[in-house]
Amino acid sequence: MSQLTVFTRGVPIKSNHSHLEIHQGREIAVFELSIGDIDISIHFETHLELITFCEYHNFEYDDER
């Protein structure tokens, strides 16, 4: 498990893009967000994990499978 701490200092957290796809037979599930000038890309192990996260937190995602 990795840990990342970001102090927002009042800057909004913005969801840039989330998508699911199959690339060379592998599941790709990526959630991208920005906090000020910091870009964060979160790669999930499975499509279901990203779908569950996005639905729970009310984030949109593209399903390109």
PDB file of N, CA and C in Angstrom:
ATOM      1  N   MET A   1       0.846  -1.181   0.000  1.00  0.00           N
ATOM      2  CA  MET A   1       0.000   0.000   0.000  1.00  0.00           C
ATOM      3  C   MET A   1       0.885   1.236   0.000  1.00  0.00           C
ATOM      4  N   SER A   2       0.560   2.162  -0.860  1.00  0.00           N
ATOM      5  CA  SER A   2       1.270   3.433  -0.924  1.00  0.00           C
ATOM      6  C   SER A   2       0.411   4.512  -0.302  1.00  0.00           C
ATOM      7  N   GLN A   3       1.055   5.584   0.107  1.00  0.00           N
ATOM      8  CA  GLN A   3       0.319   6.688   0.709  1.00  0.00           C
ATOM      9  C   GLN A   3       0.765   7.984   0.053  1.00  0.00           C
ATOM     10  N   LEU A   4      -0.209   8.827  -0.258  1.00  0.00           N
ATOM     11  CA  LEU A   4       0.052  10.135  -0.831  1.00  0.00           C
ATOM     12  C   LEU A   4      -0.754  11.147  -0.026  1.00  0.00           C
ATOM     13  N   THR A   5      -0.094  12.163   0.472  1.00  0.00           N
ATOM     14  CA  THR A   5      -0.766  13.218   1.222  1.00  0.00           C
ATOM     15  C   THR A   5      -0.679  14.505   0.422  1.00  0.00           C
ATOM     16  N   VAL A   6      -1.834  15.109   0.145  1.00  0.00           N
ATOM     17  CA  VAL A   6      -1.887  16.367  -0.586  1.00  0.00           C
ATOM     18  C   VAL A   6      -2.679  17.358   0.260  1.00  0.00           C
ATOM     19  N   PHE A   7      -2.100  18.499   0.535  1.00  0.00           N
ATOM     20  CA  PHE A   7      -2.798  19.558   1.255  1.00  0.00           C
ATOM     21  C   PHE A   7      -3.439  20.472   0.216  1.00  0.00           C
ATOM     22  N   THR A   8      -4.757  20.533   0.185  1.00  0.00           N
ATOM     23  CA  THR A   8      -5.470  21.259  -0.860  1.00  0.00           C
ATOM     24  C   THR A   8      -5.386  22.769  -0.701  1.00  0.00           C
ATOM     25  N   ARG A   9      -5.211  23.243   0.521  1.00  0.00           N
ATOM     26  CA  ARG A   9      -5.141  24.684   0.790  1.00  0.00           C
ATOM     27  C   ARG A   9      -6.291  25.442   0.134  1.00  0.00           C
ATOM     28  N   GLY A  10      -7.461  24.827   0.179  1.00  0.00           N
ATOM     29  CA  GLY A  10      -8.671  25.459  -0.339  1.00  0.00           C
ATOM     30  C   GLY A  10      -8.894  25.314  -1.831  1.00  0.00           C
ATOM     31  N   VAL A  11      -7.971  24.644  -2.543  1.00  0.00           N
ATOM     32  CA  VAL A  11      -8.120  24.449  -3.984  1.00  0.00           C
ATOM     33  C   VAL A  11      -9.057  23.260  -4.217  1.00  0.00           C
ATOM     34  N   PRO A  12     -10.051  23.406  -5.094  1.00  0.00           N
ATOM     35  CA  PRO A  12     -10.985  22.304  -5.340  1.00  0.00           C
ATOM     36  C   PRO A  12     -10.309  21.074  -5.943  1.00  0.00           C
ATOM     37  N   ILE A  13     -10.852  19.918  -5.638  1.00  0.00           N
ATOM     38  CA  ILE A  13     -10.428  18.661  -6.249  1.00  0.00           C
ATOM     39  C   ILE A  13     -11.321  18.440  -7.461  1.00  0.00           C
ATOM     40  N   LYS A  14     -10.701  18.218  -8.628  1.00  0.00           N
ATOM     41  CA  LYS A  14     -11.443  18.086  -9.875  1.00  0.00           C
ATOM     42  C   LYS A  14     -11.154  16.738 -10.515  1.00  0.00           C
ATOM     43  N   SER A  15     -12.206  16.032 -10.885  1.00  0.00           N
ATOM     44  CA  SER A  15     -12.050  14.778 -11.618  1.00  0.00           C
ATOM     45  C   SER A  15     -11.850  15.102 -13.090  1.00  0.00           C
ATOM     46  N   ASN A  16     -10.690  14.740 -13.646  1.00  0.00           N
ATOM     47  CA  ASN A  16     -10.395  15.025 -15.053  1.00  0.00           C
ATOM     48  C   ASN A  16     -10.990  13.988 -15.986  1.00  0.00           C
ATOM     49  N   HIS A  17     -10.723  12.718 -15.693  1.00  0.00           N
ATOM     50  CA  HIS A  17     -11.119  11.658 -16.613  1.00  0.00           C
ATOM     51  C   HIS A  17     -11.004  10.312 -15.914  1.00  0.00           C
ATOM     52  N   SER A  18     -11.951   9.460 -16.154  1.00  0.00           N
ATOM     53  CA  SER A  18     -11.901   8.083 -15.670  1.00  0.00           C
ATOM     54  C   SER A  18     -12.319   7.193 -16.825  1.00  0.00           C
ATOM     55  N   HIS A  19     -11.570   6.121 -17.047  1.00  0.00           N
ATOM     56  CA  HIS A  19     -11.955   5.254 -18.150  1.00  0.00           C
ATOM     57  C   HIS A  19     -11.560   3.805 -17.919  1.00  0.00           C
ATOM     58  N   LEU A  20     -12.331   2.961 -18.598  1.00  0.00           N
ATOM     59  CA  LEU A  20     -12.104   1.516 -18.605  1.00  0.00           C
ATOM     60  C   LEU A  20     -11.838   1.099 -20.037  1.00  0.00           C
ATOM     61  N   GLU A  21     -10.869   0.238 -20.234  1.00  0.00           N
ATOM     62  CA  GLU A  21     -10.616  -0.287 -21.570  1.00  0.00           C
ATOM     63  C   GLU A  21      -9.866  -1.615 -21.459  1.00  0.00           C
ATOM     64  N   ILE A  22      -9.832  -2.323 -22.552  1.00  0.00           N
ATOM     65  CA  ILE A  22      -9.025  -3.538 -22.656  1.00  0.00           C
ATOM     66  C   ILE A  22      -7.889  -3.201 -23.621  1.00  0.00           C
ATOM     67  N   HIS A  23      -6.646  -3.370 -23.170  1.00  0.00           N
ATOM     68  CA  HIS A  23      -5.481  -3.079 -24.008  1.00  0.00           C
ATOM     69  C   HIS A  23      -4.559  -4.287 -23.989  1.00  0.00           C
ATOM     70  N   GLN A  24      -4.341  -4.862 -25.147  1.00  0.00           N
ATOM     71  CA  GLN A  24      -3.509  -6.052 -25.295  1.00  0.00           C
ATOM     72  C   GLN A  24      -3.933  -7.153 -24.321  1.00  0.00           C
ATOM     73  N   GLY A  25      -5.254  -7.323 -24.198  1.00  0.00           N
ATOM     74  CA  GLY A  25      -5.804  -8.380 -23.358  1.00  0.00           C
ATOM     75  C   GLY A  25      -5.818  -8.077 -21.863  1.00  0.00           C
ATOM     76  N   ARG A  26      -5.383  -6.892 -21.475  1.00  0.00           N
ATOM     77  CA  ARG A  26      -5.341  -6.531 -20.050  1.00  0.00           C
ATOM     78  C   ARG A  26      -6.389  -5.472 -19.741  1.00  0.00           C
ATOM     79  N   GLU A  27      -6.963  -5.552 -18.542  1.00  0.00           N
ATOM     80  CA  GLU A  27      -7.899  -4.536 -18.085  1.00  0.00           C
ATOM     81  C   GLU A  27      -7.133  -3.269 -17.718  1.00  0.00           C
ATOM     82  N   ILE A  28      -7.604  -2.146 -18.214  1.00  0.00           N
ATOM     83  CA  ILE A  28      -7.058  -0.848 -17.842  1.00  0.00           C
ATOM     84  C   ILE A  28      -8.193  -0.086 -17.171  1.00  0.00           C
ATOM     85  N   ALA A  29      -7.971   0.361 -15.952  1.00  0.00           N
ATOM     86  CA  ALA A  29      -8.976   1.111 -15.187  1.00  0.00           C
ATOM     87  C   ALA A  29      -8.254   2.275 -14.510  1.00  0.00           C
ATOM     88  N   VAL A  30      -8.463   3.485 -15.032  1.00  0.00           N
ATOM     89  CA  VAL A  30      -7.701   4.647 -14.580  1.00  0.00           C
ATOM     90  C   VAL A  30      -8.650   5.769 -14.165  1.00  0.00           C
ATOM     91  N   PHE A  31      -8.329   6.392 -13.041  1.00  0.00           N
ATOM     92  CA  PHE A  31      -9.068   7.542 -12.517  1.00  0.00           C
ATOM     93  C   PHE A  31      -8.067   8.686 -12.388  1.00  0.00           C
ATOM     94  N   GLU A  32      -8.327   9.800 -13.082  1.00  0.00           N
ATOM     95  CA  GLU A  32      -7.402  10.933 -13.064  1.00  0.00           C
ATOM     96  C   GLU A  32      -8.078  12.130 -12.416  1.00  0.00           C
ATOM     97  N   LEU A  33      -7.341  12.816 -11.554  1.00  0.00           N
ATOM     98  CA  LEU A  33      -7.876  14.011 -10.924  1.00  0.00           C
ATOM     99  C   LEU A  33      -6.799  15.054 -10.764  1.00  0.00           C
ATOM    100  N   SER A  34      -7.231  16.281 -10.494  1.00  0.00           N
ATOM    101  CA  SER A  34      -6.321  17.401 -10.288  1.00  0.00           C
ATOM    102  C   SER A  34      -6.665  18.109  -8.994  1.00  0.00           C
ATOM    103  N   ILE A  35      -5.622  18.554  -8.313  1.00  0.00           N
ATOM    104  CA  ILE A  35      -5.767  19.418  -7.146  1.00  0.00           C
ATOM    105  C   ILE A  35      -4.820  20.583  -7.404  1.00  0.00           C
ATOM    106  N   GLY A  36      -5.364  21.716  -7.826  1.00  0.00           N
ATOM    107  CA  GLY A  36      -4.510  22.838  -8.214  1.00  0.00           C
ATOM    108  C   GLY A  36      -3.651  22.431  -9.385  1.00  0.00           C
ATOM    109  N   ASP A  37      -2.315  22.559  -9.262  1.00  0.00           N
ATOM    110  CA  ASP A  37      -1.414  22.189 -10.350  1.00  0.00           C
ATOM    111  C   ASP A  37      -0.841  20.778 -10.181  1.00  0.00           C
ATOM    112  N   ILE A  38      -1.449  19.974  -9.308  1.00  0.00           N
ATOM    113  CA  ILE A  38      -1.022  18.587  -9.095  1.00  0.00           C
ATOM    114  C   ILE A  38      -1.982  17.664  -9.834  1.00  0.00           C
ATOM    115  N   ASP A  39      -1.459  16.821 -10.727  1.00  0.00           N
ATOM    116  CA  ASP A  39      -2.254  15.815 -11.432  1.00  0.00           C
ATOM    117  C   ASP A  39      -1.967  14.451 -10.813  1.00  0.00           C
ATOM    118  N   ILE A  40      -3.032  13.716 -10.527  1.00  0.00           N
ATOM    119  CA  ILE A  40      -2.906  12.400  -9.902  1.00  0.00           C
ATOM    120  C   ILE A  40      -3.616  11.376 -10.779  1.00  0.00           C
ATOM    121  N   SER A  41      -2.942  10.275 -11.053  1.00  0.00           N
ATOM    122  CA  SER A  41      -3.506   9.192 -11.848  1.00  0.00           C
ATOM    123  C   SER A  41      -3.542   7.939 -10.982  1.00  0.00           C
ATOM    124  N   ILE A  42      -4.740   7.397 -10.769  1.00  0.00           N
ATOM    125  CA  ILE A  42      -4.913   6.206  -9.937  1.00  0.00           C
ATOM    126  C   ILE A  42      -5.282   5.045 -10.848  1.00  0.00           C
ATOM    127  N   HIS A  43      -4.479   3.985 -10.811  1.00  0.00           N
ATOM    128  CA  HIS A  43      -4.728   2.798 -11.619  1.00  0.00           C
ATOM    129  C   HIS A  43      -5.299   1.710 -10.711  1.00  0.00           C
ATOM    130  N   PHE A  44      -6.495   1.258 -11.032  1.00  0.00           N
ATOM    131  CA  PHE A  44      -7.156   0.206 -10.259  1.00  0.00           C
ATOM    132  C   PHE A  44      -6.793  -1.159 -10.829  1.00  0.00           C
ATOM    133  N   GLU A  45      -6.832  -2.168  -9.989  1.00  0.00           N
ATOM    134  CA  GLU A  45      -6.484  -3.530 -10.408  1.00  0.00           C
ATOM    135  C   GLU A  45      -7.514  -4.118 -11.366  1.00  0.00           C
ATOM    136  N   THR A  46      -8.786  -3.781 -11.186  1.00  0.00           N
ATOM    137  CA  THR A  46      -9.850  -4.346 -12.020  1.00  0.00           C
ATOM    138  C   THR A  46     -10.854  -3.261 -12.407  1.00  0.00           C
ATOM    139  N   HIS A  47     -11.601  -3.556 -13.455  1.00  0.00           N
ATOM    140  CA  HIS A  47     -12.676  -2.651 -13.870  1.00  0.00           C
ATOM    141  C   HIS A  47     -13.707  -2.499 -12.761  1.00  0.00           C
ATOM    142  N   LEU A  48     -14.071  -3.595 -12.138  1.00  0.00           N
ATOM    143  CA  LEU A  48     -15.094  -3.557 -11.089  1.00  0.00           C
ATOM    144  C   LEU A  48     -14.685  -2.638  -9.935  1.00  0.00           C
ATOM    145  N   GLU A  49     -13.415  -2.640  -9.591  1.00  0.00           N
ATOM    146  CA  GLU A  49     -12.938  -1.779  -8.510  1.00  0.00           C
ATOM    147  C   GLU A  49     -13.141  -0.302  -8.862  1.00  0.00           C
ATOM    148  N   LEU A  50     -12.825   0.086 -10.099  1.00  0.00           N
ATOM    149  CA  LEU A  50     -13.032   1.478 -10.520  1.00  0.00           C
ATOM    150  C   LEU A  50     -14.519   1.810 -10.585  1.00  0.00           C
ATOM    151  N   ILE A  51     -15.321   0.926 -11.148  1.00  0.00           N
ATOM    152  CA  ILE A  51     -16.768   1.163 -11.241  1.00  0.00           C
ATOM    153  C   ILE A  51     -17.362   1.356  -9.860  1.00  0.00           C
ATOM    154  N   THR A  52     -17.013   0.504  -8.917  1.00  0.00           N
ATOM    155  CA  THR A  52     -17.518   0.606  -7.547  1.00  0.00           C
ATOM    156  C   THR A  52     -17.107   1.925  -6.913  1.00  0.00           C
ATOM    157  N   PHE A  53     -15.847   2.321  -7.082  1.00  0.00           N
ATOM    158  CA  PHE A  53     -15.345   3.577  -6.534  1.00  0.00           C
ATOM    159  C   PHE A  53     -16.109   4.762  -7.120  1.00  0.00           C
ATOM    160  N   CYS A  54     -16.230   4.803  -8.449  1.00  0.00           N
ATOM    161  CA  CYS A  54     -16.889   5.931  -9.102  1.00  0.00           C
ATOM    162  C   CYS A  54     -18.365   6.026  -8.730  1.00  0.00           C
ATOM    163  N   GLU A  55     -19.055   4.896  -8.687  1.00  0.00           N
ATOM    164  CA  GLU A  55     -20.472   4.928  -8.324  1.00  0.00           C
ATOM    165  C   GLU A  55     -20.666   5.346  -6.871  1.00  0.00           C
ATOM    166  N   TYR A  56     -19.806   4.880  -5.986  1.00  0.00           N
ATOM    167  CA  TYR A  56     -19.912   5.231  -4.568  1.00  0.00           C
ATOM    168  C   TYR A  56     -19.687   6.729  -4.348  1.00  0.00           C
ATOM    169  N   HIS A  57     -18.712   7.301  -5.080  1.00  0.00           N
ATOM    170  CA  HIS A  57     -18.361   8.712  -4.902  1.00  0.00           C
ATOM    171  C   HIS A  57     -19.008   9.634  -5.939  1.00  0.00           C
ATOM    172  N   ASN A  58     -19.898   9.068  -6.767  1.00  0.00           N
ATOM    173  CA  ASN A  58     -20.649   9.821  -7.772  1.00  0.00           C
ATOM    174  C   ASN A  58     -19.739  10.490  -8.815  1.00  0.00           C
ATOM    175  N   PHE A  59     -18.697   9.771  -9.270  1.00  0.00           N
ATOM    176  CA  PHE A  59     -17.830  10.232 -10.350  1.00  0.00           C
ATOM    177  C   PHE A  59     -18.256   9.540 -11.637  1.00  0.00           C
ATOM    178  N   GLU A  60     -18.147  10.230 -12.749  1.00  0.00           N
ATOM    179  CA  GLU A  60     -18.438   9.636 -14.058  1.00  0.00           C
ATOM    180  C   GLU A  60     -17.210   8.888 -14.573  1.00  0.00           C
ATOM    181  N   TYR A  61     -17.438   7.942 -15.473  1.00  0.00           N
ATOM    182  CA  TYR A  61     -16.330   7.237 -16.118  1.00  0.00           C
ATOM    183  C   TYR A  61     -16.759   6.821 -17.509  1.00  0.00           C
ATOM    184  N   ASP A  62     -15.785   6.682 -18.424  1.00  0.00           N
ATOM    185  CA  ASP A  62     -16.021   6.192 -19.767  1.00  0.00           C
ATOM    186  C   ASP A  62     -15.716   4.703 -19.812  1.00  0.00           C
ATOM    187  N   ASP A  63     -16.611   3.962 -20.420  1.00  0.00           N
ATOM    188  CA  ASP A  63     -16.402   2.520 -20.557  1.00  0.00           C
ATOM    189  C   ASP A  63     -16.115   2.219 -22.027  1.00  0.00           C
ATOM    190  N   GLU A  64     -14.837   2.025 -22.345  1.00  0.00           N
ATOM    191  CA  GLU A  64     -14.398   1.803 -23.715  1.00  0.00           C
ATOM    192  C   GLU A  64     -14.071   0.336 -23.990  1.00  0.00           C
ATOM    193  N   ARG A  65     -14.646  -0.561 -23.193  1.00  0.00           N
ATOM    194  CA  ARG A  65     -14.356  -1.986 -23.377  1.00  0.00           C
ATOM    195  C   ARG A  65     -15.059  -2.518 -24.597  1.00  0.00           C
TER     196      ARG A  65
END
